[in-house]
Protein backbone atom coordinates (compact mmCIF):
# COMPACT_ATOMS: atom_id res chain seq x y z
CA MET A 1 17.86 62.83 21.47
CA LYS A 2 18.19 66.59 22.01
CA THR A 3 21.01 68.25 23.87
CA LYS A 4 21.31 71.74 25.31
CA ALA A 5 23.15 72.84 22.17
CA ASP A 6 20.00 72.05 20.14
CA LYS A 7 17.99 74.72 21.99
CA GLY A 8 19.78 77.64 20.33
CA PRO A 9 21.18 80.74 22.03
CA LYS A 10 20.00 81.68 25.49
CA ARG A 11 17.72 84.67 25.68
CA LYS A 12 17.19 87.25 28.37
CA LYS A 13 14.16 89.26 29.46
CA VAL A 14 14.82 92.99 29.10
CA GLU A 15 12.43 95.41 30.79
CA PHE A 16 11.90 98.75 29.13
CA GLU A 17 10.14 101.63 30.86
CA PHE A 18 9.27 105.20 29.98
CA GLN A 19 7.60 107.83 32.13
CA ALA A 20 4.86 109.66 30.24
CA PRO A 21 1.77 110.13 32.44
CA ASP A 22 -0.11 112.14 29.79
CA ALA A 23 0.69 109.89 26.80
CA GLU A 24 -2.04 108.02 24.96
CA SER A 25 0.26 105.31 23.56
CA VAL A 26 3.89 104.27 23.87
CA PHE A 27 5.77 101.59 21.91
CA VAL A 28 9.33 100.34 22.31
CA VAL A 29 10.78 100.18 18.79
CA GLY A 30 14.21 99.08 17.69
CA SER A 31 16.57 96.86 15.77
CA PHE A 32 15.23 93.84 17.72
CA ASN A 33 11.79 94.22 16.07
CA ALA A 34 12.79 95.66 12.66
CA TRP A 35 11.70 99.13 13.89
CA SER A 36 8.05 98.07 13.90
CA LEU A 37 5.74 100.80 15.19
CA GLN A 38 3.14 98.20 16.23
CA LYS A 39 4.94 95.11 17.52
CA HIS A 40 5.74 96.06 21.14
CA PRO A 41 3.06 98.26 22.71
CA MET A 42 3.82 99.25 26.28
CA LYS A 43 1.33 99.16 29.18
CA LYS A 44 0.74 102.18 31.36
CA GLY A 45 1.02 101.70 35.11
CA PRO A 46 -0.71 103.70 37.83
CA GLU A 47 2.24 106.10 38.23
CA GLY A 48 2.26 107.00 34.53
CA ILE A 49 5.20 104.70 33.82
CA TRP A 50 4.86 102.63 30.66
CA LYS A 51 6.49 99.17 30.72
CA LYS A 52 7.22 96.33 28.33
CA ALA A 53 9.33 93.19 28.74
CA VAL A 54 10.99 91.81 25.61
CA ILE A 55 12.90 88.51 25.33
CA LEU A 56 16.16 89.13 23.44
CA ALA A 57 19.12 87.03 22.30
CA PRO A 58 22.59 88.25 23.31
CA GLY A 59 23.76 91.26 21.34
CA ASP A 60 23.59 95.03 21.10
CA TYR A 61 20.33 96.64 20.03
CA GLU A 62 19.41 100.21 19.12
CA TYR A 63 15.98 101.43 20.16
CA LYS A 64 13.72 104.41 20.82
CA PHE A 65 10.26 105.00 22.20
CA TRP A 66 7.39 105.99 19.90
CA VAL A 67 5.27 108.25 22.11
CA ASP A 68 2.04 109.62 20.64
CA GLY A 69 3.63 109.73 17.19
CA GLN A 70 6.98 111.20 18.25
CA TRP A 71 10.40 109.57 18.71
CA ARG A 72 11.95 109.77 22.19
CA GLU A 73 15.28 108.57 23.51
CA ASP A 74 15.42 106.60 26.75
CA PRO A 75 16.20 109.15 29.50
CA LEU A 76 17.16 106.30 31.86
CA ASN A 77 19.87 104.94 29.55
CA GLN A 78 23.12 106.85 28.94
CA ARG A 79 24.22 104.45 26.18
CA CYS A 80 23.38 105.88 22.79
CA CYS A 81 24.66 106.22 19.23
CA ALA A 82 24.09 108.50 16.26
CA ASN A 83 21.58 107.38 13.64
CA CYS A 84 21.23 108.23 9.94
CA PHE A 85 18.48 110.80 10.67
CA GLY A 86 20.76 113.17 12.57
CA SER A 87 19.44 112.20 16.00
CA ARG A 88 20.44 109.52 18.49
CA ASN A 89 19.22 106.02 19.35
CA SER A 90 19.45 104.45 22.78
CA VAL A 91 21.47 101.21 22.97
CA VAL A 92 20.84 98.15 25.11
CA CYS A 93 23.55 95.48 25.48
CA VAL A 94 22.17 92.02 26.26
CA ARG A 95 24.51 89.52 27.90
CA VAL A 96 23.58 86.14 29.37
C-alpha cells in the first residue's frame, strides 16, 4: 500500500516569460536543468512574449534566458545574485 509520503516532494508549476518580439529563439536555463541550453525552449506568443512552464520541487533556483545566443536576466524579477562570471543570475524561490 502506498501513502502520500511515498509520492515524494510536492512540485509546483512555475511560469517563465520574456518579452523579445524580434528574437528567433529563447530558452529558460538554470540550476533546475543543469544549465542546459536545449532542455527548456520557450514558445513565442502573438504579442512577442515567450513563455515556458516548468514543474519544480521546492527550493531556490538561479536562472537566465538564452536569447539568440546571448544571456539575459529576467527584467520582471528583482531577485538576483552574483555569479562566477561577473554578471548576475535571476533567482526564483519555489514554495508549496
